[in-house]
Amino acid sequence: MKENLIFISIVLICIASGFYLGTYLQKILPTINLPSFVTKCYFDFDCDWKITNCCPENSGARWECVNLKNFKEPACPSMVICPQVISPKPTSNCVCERGSCVVK
């Protein structure tokens, strides 16, 4: 019984380490195409609303429901011209469905 628990623990640690390593390598080496099981979402907490146009909420932010495993902050220039409209974070849910982040 004790041996089974040790074996299962080792397998789970190896799987978790593989996911972490894959995500880390994708961030530092973006030219590597990782298998889809590393970049798909599996849980709702893998998805979130992010601003994708460098504008703040009080000045024309463009919100997108994104997969946090794949999301890269936009490279914002020092001077950004933003529309003067308030764009609060959407109240719709950004969730994981069949491996993709979707709005519900």
C-alpha atoms as a PDB file:
ATOM      1  CA  MET A   1       0.000   0.000   0.000  1.00  0.00           C
ATOM      2  CA  LYS A   2       2.765   2.404   0.966  1.00  0.00           C
ATOM      3  CA  GLU A   3       4.699   1.573  -2.215  1.00  0.00           C
ATOM      4  CA  ASN A   4       1.625   2.338  -4.340  1.00  0.00           C
ATOM      5  CA  LEU A   5       1.258   5.764  -2.758  1.00  0.00           C
ATOM      6  CA  ILE A   6       4.926   6.537  -3.349  1.00  0.00           C
ATOM      7  CA  PHE A   7       4.665   5.431  -6.995  1.00  0.00           C
ATOM      8  CA  ILE A   8       1.516   7.510  -7.593  1.00  0.00           C
ATOM      9  CA  SER A   9       3.158  10.529  -5.928  1.00  0.00           C
ATOM     10  CA  ILE A  10       6.213  10.232  -8.166  1.00  0.00           C
ATOM     11  CA  VAL A  11       4.061   9.946 -11.305  1.00  0.00           C
ATOM     12  CA  LEU A  12       1.993  13.014 -10.333  1.00  0.00           C
ATOM     13  CA  ILE A  13       5.131  15.050  -9.576  1.00  0.00           C
ATOM     14  CA  CYS A  14       6.582  14.101 -12.982  1.00  0.00           C
ATOM     15  CA  ILE A  15       3.392  15.105 -14.801  1.00  0.00           C
ATOM     16  CA  ALA A  16       3.194  18.434 -12.954  1.00  0.00           C
ATOM     17  CA  SER A  17       6.881  19.091 -13.649  1.00  0.00           C
ATOM     18  CA  GLY A  18       6.347  18.384 -17.347  1.00  0.00           C
ATOM     19  CA  PHE A  19       3.494  20.890 -17.585  1.00  0.00           C
ATOM     20  CA  TYR A  20       5.513  23.501 -15.695  1.00  0.00           C
ATOM     21  CA  LEU A  21       8.577  22.927 -17.884  1.00  0.00           C
ATOM     22  CA  GLY A  22       6.496  23.141 -21.068  1.00  0.00           C
ATOM     23  CA  THR A  23       4.881  26.408 -19.991  1.00  0.00           C
ATOM     24  CA  TYR A  24       8.248  27.846 -18.916  1.00  0.00           C
ATOM     25  CA  LEU A  25       9.948  26.892 -22.188  1.00  0.00           C
ATOM     26  CA  GLN A  26       7.118  28.394 -24.202  1.00  0.00           C
ATOM     27  CA  LYS A  27       7.620  31.720 -22.422  1.00  0.00           C
ATOM     28  CA  ILE A  28      11.387  31.886 -22.950  1.00  0.00           C
ATOM     29  CA  LEU A  29      11.472  30.214 -26.380  1.00  0.00           C
ATOM     30  CA  PRO A  30       8.281  31.320 -28.156  1.00  0.00           C
ATOM     31  CA  THR A  31       9.380  29.800 -31.485  1.00  0.00           C
ATOM     32  CA  ILE A  32       8.958  26.264 -30.144  1.00  0.00           C
ATOM     33  CA  ASN A  33       5.538  24.836 -30.993  1.00  0.00           C
ATOM     34  CA  LEU A  34       4.422  22.888 -27.969  1.00  0.00           C
ATOM     35  CA  PRO A  35       1.905  20.071 -28.173  1.00  0.00           C
ATOM     36  CA  SER A  36      -1.701  21.176 -27.790  1.00  0.00           C
ATOM     37  CA  PHE A  37      -2.137  19.374 -24.449  1.00  0.00           C
ATOM     38  CA  VAL A  38       0.283  21.905 -22.916  1.00  0.00           C
ATOM     39  CA  THR A  39      -1.414  24.986 -24.379  1.00  0.00           C
ATOM     40  CA  LYS A  40      -5.076  23.956 -24.084  1.00  0.00           C
ATOM     41  CA  CYS A  41      -7.082  25.118 -21.127  1.00  0.00           C
ATOM     42  CA  TYR A  42      -8.411  22.431 -18.808  1.00  0.00           C
ATOM     43  CA  PHE A  43      -9.970  24.482 -16.013  1.00  0.00           C
ATOM     44  CA  ASP A  44     -11.850  27.765 -15.843  1.00  0.00           C
ATOM     45  CA  PHE A  45      -8.954  29.337 -13.928  1.00  0.00           C
ATOM     46  CA  ASP A  46      -6.779  28.859 -17.041  1.00  0.00           C
ATOM     47  CA  CYS A  47      -8.891  31.594 -18.694  1.00  0.00           C
ATOM     48  CA  ASP A  48      -9.332  35.268 -17.808  1.00  0.00           C
ATOM     49  CA  TRP A  49     -10.160  38.680 -19.225  1.00  0.00           C
ATOM     50  CA  LYS A  50      -7.052  40.612 -20.306  1.00  0.00           C
ATOM     51  CA  ILE A  51      -6.526  43.997 -21.936  1.00  0.00           C
ATOM     52  CA  THR A  52      -4.933  43.509 -25.351  1.00  0.00           C
ATOM     53  CA  ASN A  53      -4.518  47.039 -26.730  1.00  0.00           C
ATOM     54  CA  CYS A  54      -2.359  48.819 -24.093  1.00  0.00           C
ATOM     55  CA  CYS A  55      -5.185  51.172 -23.081  1.00  0.00           C
ATOM     56  CA  PRO A  56      -6.401  51.349 -19.461  1.00  0.00           C
ATOM     57  CA  GLU A  57      -9.956  50.608 -18.308  1.00  0.00           C
ATOM     58  CA  ASN A  58     -10.787  54.309 -18.067  1.00  0.00           C
ATOM     59  CA  SER A  59      -9.567  54.986 -21.590  1.00  0.00           C
ATOM     60  CA  GLY A  60     -10.715  52.513 -24.214  1.00  0.00           C
ATOM     61  CA  ALA A  61      -9.335  49.153 -23.112  1.00  0.00           C
ATOM     62  CA  ARG A  62     -10.048  46.239 -25.464  1.00  0.00           C
ATOM     63  CA  TRP A  63     -10.810  43.189 -23.348  1.00  0.00           C
ATOM     64  CA  GLU A  64     -10.396  39.640 -24.624  1.00  0.00           C
ATOM     65  CA  CYS A  65     -11.111  36.286 -23.026  1.00  0.00           C
ATOM     66  CA  VAL A  66      -7.698  34.596 -23.230  1.00  0.00           C
ATOM     67  CA  ASN A  67      -5.940  31.408 -22.222  1.00  0.00           C
ATOM     68  CA  LEU A  68      -3.434  32.444 -19.547  1.00  0.00           C
ATOM     69  CA  LYS A  69      -1.027  29.688 -20.652  1.00  0.00           C
ATOM     70  CA  ASN A  70      -0.660  31.337 -24.072  1.00  0.00           C
ATOM     71  CA  PHE A  71      -1.216  34.997 -23.250  1.00  0.00           C
ATOM     72  CA  LYS A  72       1.667  37.377 -23.694  1.00  0.00           C
ATOM     73  CA  GLU A  73       1.332  40.953 -22.502  1.00  0.00           C
ATOM     74  CA  PRO A  74       1.334  43.290 -25.504  1.00  0.00           C
ATOM     75  CA  ALA A  75       4.560  45.205 -26.142  1.00  0.00           C
ATOM     76  CA  CYS A  76       3.174  48.671 -25.505  1.00  0.00           C
ATOM     77  CA  PRO A  77       4.910  51.739 -26.914  1.00  0.00           C
ATOM     78  CA  SER A  78       5.664  54.602 -24.537  1.00  0.00           C
ATOM     79  CA  MET A  79       2.995  56.771 -26.198  1.00  0.00           C
ATOM     80  CA  VAL A  80      -0.392  55.151 -26.837  1.00  0.00           C
ATOM     81  CA  ILE A  81      -3.388  57.020 -28.212  1.00  0.00           C
ATOM     82  CA  CYS A  82      -6.495  55.608 -26.580  1.00  0.00           C
ATOM     83  CA  PRO A  83     -10.153  56.527 -27.129  1.00  0.00           C
ATOM     84  CA  GLN A  84     -11.585  58.475 -24.225  1.00  0.00           C
ATOM     85  CA  VAL A  85     -14.290  55.983 -23.293  1.00  0.00           C
ATOM     86  CA  ILE A  86     -14.614  53.936 -20.162  1.00  0.00           C
ATOM     87  CA  SER A  87     -14.174  50.226 -20.868  1.00  0.00           C
ATOM     88  CA  PRO A  88     -14.697  48.273 -17.649  1.00  0.00           C
ATOM     89  CA  LYS A  89     -13.794  44.611 -17.406  1.00  0.00           C
ATOM     90  CA  PRO A  90     -16.649  42.552 -18.903  1.00  0.00           C
ATOM     91  CA  THR A  91     -19.053  40.922 -16.499  1.00  0.00           C
ATOM     92  CA  SER A  92     -19.552  37.861 -18.727  1.00  0.00           C
ATOM     93  CA  ASN A  93     -17.746  34.719 -17.660  1.00  0.00           C
ATOM     94  CA  CYS A  94     -14.525  33.762 -19.418  1.00  0.00           C
ATOM     95  CA  VAL A  95     -14.408  29.969 -19.077  1.00  0.00           C
ATOM     96  CA  CYS A  96     -12.707  26.896 -20.470  1.00  0.00           C
ATOM     97  CA  GLU A  97     -14.796  24.804 -22.828  1.00  0.00           C
ATOM     98  CA  ARG A  98     -13.403  21.889 -24.863  1.00  0.00           C
ATOM     99  CA  GLY A  99      -9.825  23.150 -24.524  1.00  0.00           C
ATOM    100  CA  SER A 100     -10.516  26.778 -25.502  1.00  0.00           C
ATOM    101  CA  CYS A 101     -11.371  29.908 -23.553  1.00  0.00           C
ATOM    102  CA  VAL A 102     -14.860  31.172 -24.415  1.00  0.00           C
ATOM    103  CA  VAL A 103     -17.298  33.809 -23.207  1.00  0.00           C
ATOM    104  CA  LYS A 104     -20.419  32.524 -21.467  1.00  0.00           C
END
